[in-house]
Amino acid sequence: MKNKYKGSVNTSTLKKSLNEKKFNNISKKVKSFENFWLNGFSPNTGKDVMTWYPDDCIGNRHIHLKPEEFFDSKQKQKWNNWAIKNDSDLEFNYLKANSIEIPSSDTGFLYFVDKYRVAYIYLYFQNNLHFSLKNNNIIQVTRNIDKKLEKEGKIMMSQDKQHKLFSDCWLN
């Protein structure tokens, strides 16, 4: 089956930051992200937004993942509505989610996206995602990954183009 969108997902940095057992434990979350990235939806991925910390790293994003435990019944209901609505709608696209609120959580991935729509996942947070975004250690890791990708010749996608990650220009 051909993917709906161009691009790919690179997990090599994430694998290096985790031991094999930990990476295997989150492999379903990685697969959910890959499905979201290449096909426009996964019931286990929620809001996908630019990350503003640090502000000097262009192409830095984070995505909310369905948590193992919900902090209240309202959050659980949002994730359930998201999955039900979209499992029945094969033509659903992330950008067309107007009729239902895109859920969030404090579980997620940090990743960079380059101008070819390659996503480089580099960190996973089981919890405390938003608090961690402003943590000095996480900011330094993000800057180091940014520099590493730049040395490899990767050019990150500009912020103005990130608003079009799921637009027709990226369809296969």
Protein backbone atom coordinates (compact mmCIF):
# COMPACT_ATOMS: atom_id res chain seq x y z
CA MET A 1 0.00 0.00 0.00
CA LYS A 2 1.37 3.38 -1.01
CA ASN A 3 1.63 6.07 1.66
CA LYS A 4 -0.65 9.07 1.30
CA TYR A 5 2.11 11.60 2.02
CA LYS A 6 5.73 11.97 0.93
CA GLY A 7 8.48 11.84 3.52
CA SER A 8 9.83 9.37 6.03
CA VAL A 9 10.53 8.88 9.73
CA ASN A 10 14.05 8.55 11.10
CA THR A 11 14.36 7.04 14.59
CA SER A 12 18.14 6.50 14.77
CA THR A 13 18.69 9.31 17.31
CA LEU A 14 15.79 8.10 19.45
CA LYS A 15 17.19 4.54 19.40
CA LYS A 16 20.58 5.84 20.56
CA SER A 17 18.99 7.75 23.45
CA LEU A 18 17.17 4.65 24.72
CA ASN A 19 18.34 1.14 25.41
CA GLU A 20 16.90 -1.60 23.20
CA LYS A 21 14.33 -2.70 25.78
CA LYS A 22 12.98 0.83 26.26
CA PHE A 23 12.83 1.39 22.50
CA ASN A 24 10.94 -1.89 22.05
CA ASN A 25 8.50 -0.80 24.78
CA ILE A 26 7.55 2.29 22.78
CA SER A 27 7.66 0.67 19.34
CA LYS A 28 3.85 0.85 19.05
CA LYS A 29 4.02 4.59 19.68
CA VAL A 30 6.70 4.92 17.00
CA LYS A 31 4.49 2.96 14.57
CA SER A 32 1.55 5.22 15.41
CA PHE A 33 3.67 8.27 14.65
CA GLU A 34 4.83 6.72 11.37
CA ASN A 35 1.22 6.03 10.39
CA PHE A 36 0.25 9.60 11.28
CA TRP A 37 3.21 11.06 9.40
CA LEU A 38 2.79 9.05 6.22
CA ASN A 39 -1.00 8.74 6.07
CA GLY A 40 -2.35 11.78 7.93
CA PHE A 41 -3.92 10.11 10.95
CA SER A 42 -3.45 7.69 13.81
CA PRO A 43 -5.91 7.35 16.70
CA ASN A 44 -2.89 7.28 19.03
CA THR A 45 -1.42 10.63 17.96
CA GLY A 46 -2.97 13.97 18.85
CA LYS A 47 -1.87 17.57 18.50
CA ASP A 48 1.25 18.08 16.43
CA VAL A 49 2.77 21.53 16.84
CA MET A 50 5.93 23.58 16.46
CA THR A 51 8.10 23.71 19.56
CA TRP A 52 9.25 27.17 20.58
CA TYR A 53 12.00 26.08 23.01
CA PRO A 54 14.71 26.75 22.12
CA ASP A 55 13.59 29.42 19.69
CA ASP A 56 16.80 29.20 17.65
CA CYS A 57 16.11 25.64 16.44
CA ILE A 58 14.03 25.80 13.26
CA GLY A 59 12.13 22.65 12.38
CA ASN A 60 11.64 21.57 16.00
CA ARG A 61 8.22 20.08 16.77
CA HIS A 62 6.41 17.94 19.31
CA ILE A 63 3.48 15.61 19.01
CA HIS A 64 1.09 14.52 21.74
CA LEU A 65 0.63 10.78 22.06
CA LYS A 66 -2.24 8.90 23.63
CA PRO A 67 -1.19 8.42 27.26
CA GLU A 68 -1.18 5.13 29.14
CA GLU A 69 -3.16 6.82 31.92
CA PHE A 70 -5.49 9.80 31.56
CA PHE A 71 -5.54 12.61 34.10
CA ASP A 72 -9.34 12.83 34.00
CA SER A 73 -12.41 11.41 32.28
CA LYS A 74 -12.67 14.46 30.01
CA GLN A 75 -9.24 13.78 28.52
CA LYS A 76 -10.09 10.10 28.07
CA GLN A 77 -13.34 11.02 26.31
CA LYS A 78 -11.51 13.36 23.90
CA TRP A 79 -9.13 10.57 22.88
CA ASN A 80 -12.02 8.10 22.51
CA ASN A 81 -13.99 10.58 20.34
CA TRP A 82 -10.89 11.17 18.22
CA ALA A 83 -10.41 7.44 17.57
CA ILE A 84 -14.10 6.68 16.91
CA LYS A 85 -14.63 9.64 14.57
CA ASN A 86 -11.66 8.83 12.47
CA ASP A 87 -11.67 5.04 12.37
CA SER A 88 -14.92 5.29 10.43
CA ASP A 89 -13.73 8.06 8.10
CA LEU A 90 -11.12 6.66 5.73
CA GLU A 91 -10.70 9.99 3.98
CA PHE A 92 -9.98 11.80 7.25
CA ASN A 93 -7.02 14.17 7.19
CA TYR A 94 -5.34 15.71 10.22
CA LEU A 95 -5.91 19.22 8.90
CA LYS A 96 -9.62 18.58 8.39
CA ALA A 97 -10.27 17.83 12.05
CA ASN A 98 -12.51 20.87 12.44
CA SER A 99 -15.52 18.97 13.76
CA ILE A 100 -13.69 17.38 16.67
CA GLU A 101 -11.11 18.65 19.11
CA ILE A 102 -7.64 17.23 18.51
CA PRO A 103 -6.59 15.72 21.84
CA SER A 104 -3.43 16.53 23.75
CA SER A 105 -1.51 14.91 26.58
CA ASP A 106 1.75 15.17 28.46
CA THR A 107 3.13 12.12 26.60
CA GLY A 108 4.91 12.68 23.33
CA PHE A 109 7.85 12.83 20.96
CA LEU A 110 10.17 15.71 20.17
CA TYR A 111 11.29 15.73 16.56
CA PHE A 112 12.75 17.83 13.79
CA VAL A 113 11.38 18.01 10.26
CA ASP A 114 13.52 18.80 7.25
CA LYS A 115 12.64 20.41 3.93
CA TYR A 116 11.98 16.97 2.40
CA ARG A 117 9.42 16.12 5.11
CA VAL A 118 11.69 13.68 6.93
CA ALA A 119 10.85 13.55 10.64
CA TYR A 120 13.80 12.93 12.99
CA ILE A 121 12.40 11.72 16.31
CA TYR A 122 14.95 12.36 19.04
CA LEU A 123 13.21 12.22 22.44
CA TYR A 124 10.24 10.45 24.04
CA PHE A 125 8.41 11.61 27.16
CA GLN A 126 6.06 9.24 28.94
CA ASN A 127 4.94 12.21 31.03
CA ASN A 128 5.91 15.84 31.76
CA LEU A 129 6.32 16.68 28.06
CA HIS A 130 5.36 20.34 28.42
CA PHE A 131 7.36 20.96 31.58
CA SER A 132 10.39 19.30 29.98
CA LEU A 133 10.32 21.56 26.91
CA LYS A 134 11.70 24.42 29.03
CA ASN A 135 14.22 22.28 30.93
CA ASN A 136 17.80 23.47 30.34
CA ASN A 137 19.05 19.90 29.75
CA ILE A 138 16.36 19.24 27.14
CA ILE A 139 17.07 22.59 25.47
CA GLN A 140 20.76 21.65 25.27
CA VAL A 141 19.93 18.20 23.83
CA THR A 142 17.71 19.88 21.25
CA ARG A 143 20.47 22.30 20.25
CA ASN A 144 22.96 19.41 19.99
CA ILE A 145 20.62 17.44 17.73
CA ASP A 146 20.03 20.55 15.63
CA LYS A 147 23.81 21.03 15.20
CA LYS A 148 24.29 17.33 14.40
CA LEU A 149 21.62 17.43 11.69
CA GLU A 150 23.12 20.62 10.27
CA LYS A 151 26.59 19.00 10.12
CA GLU A 152 25.01 16.11 8.22
CA GLY A 153 23.77 18.61 5.65
CA LYS A 154 20.09 18.45 6.65
CA ILE A 155 18.13 21.63 6.09
CA MET A 156 15.19 22.02 8.44
CA MET A 157 11.79 23.09 7.19
CA SER A 158 11.03 26.75 7.82
CA GLN A 159 8.24 27.63 10.21
CA ASP A 160 6.03 29.10 7.50
CA LYS A 161 6.18 25.84 5.52
CA GLN A 162 5.47 23.68 8.57
CA HIS A 163 1.85 24.86 8.46
CA LYS A 164 1.53 22.87 5.21
CA LEU A 165 2.87 19.49 6.41
CA PHE A 166 -0.39 17.76 5.45
CA SER A 167 -1.38 19.83 2.44
CA ASP A 168 -1.81 18.66 -1.13
CA CYS A 169 1.76 19.64 -2.04
CA TRP A 170 3.01 16.64 -0.02
CA LEU A 171 0.61 14.05 -1.44
CA ASN A 172 2.16 11.04 -3.19
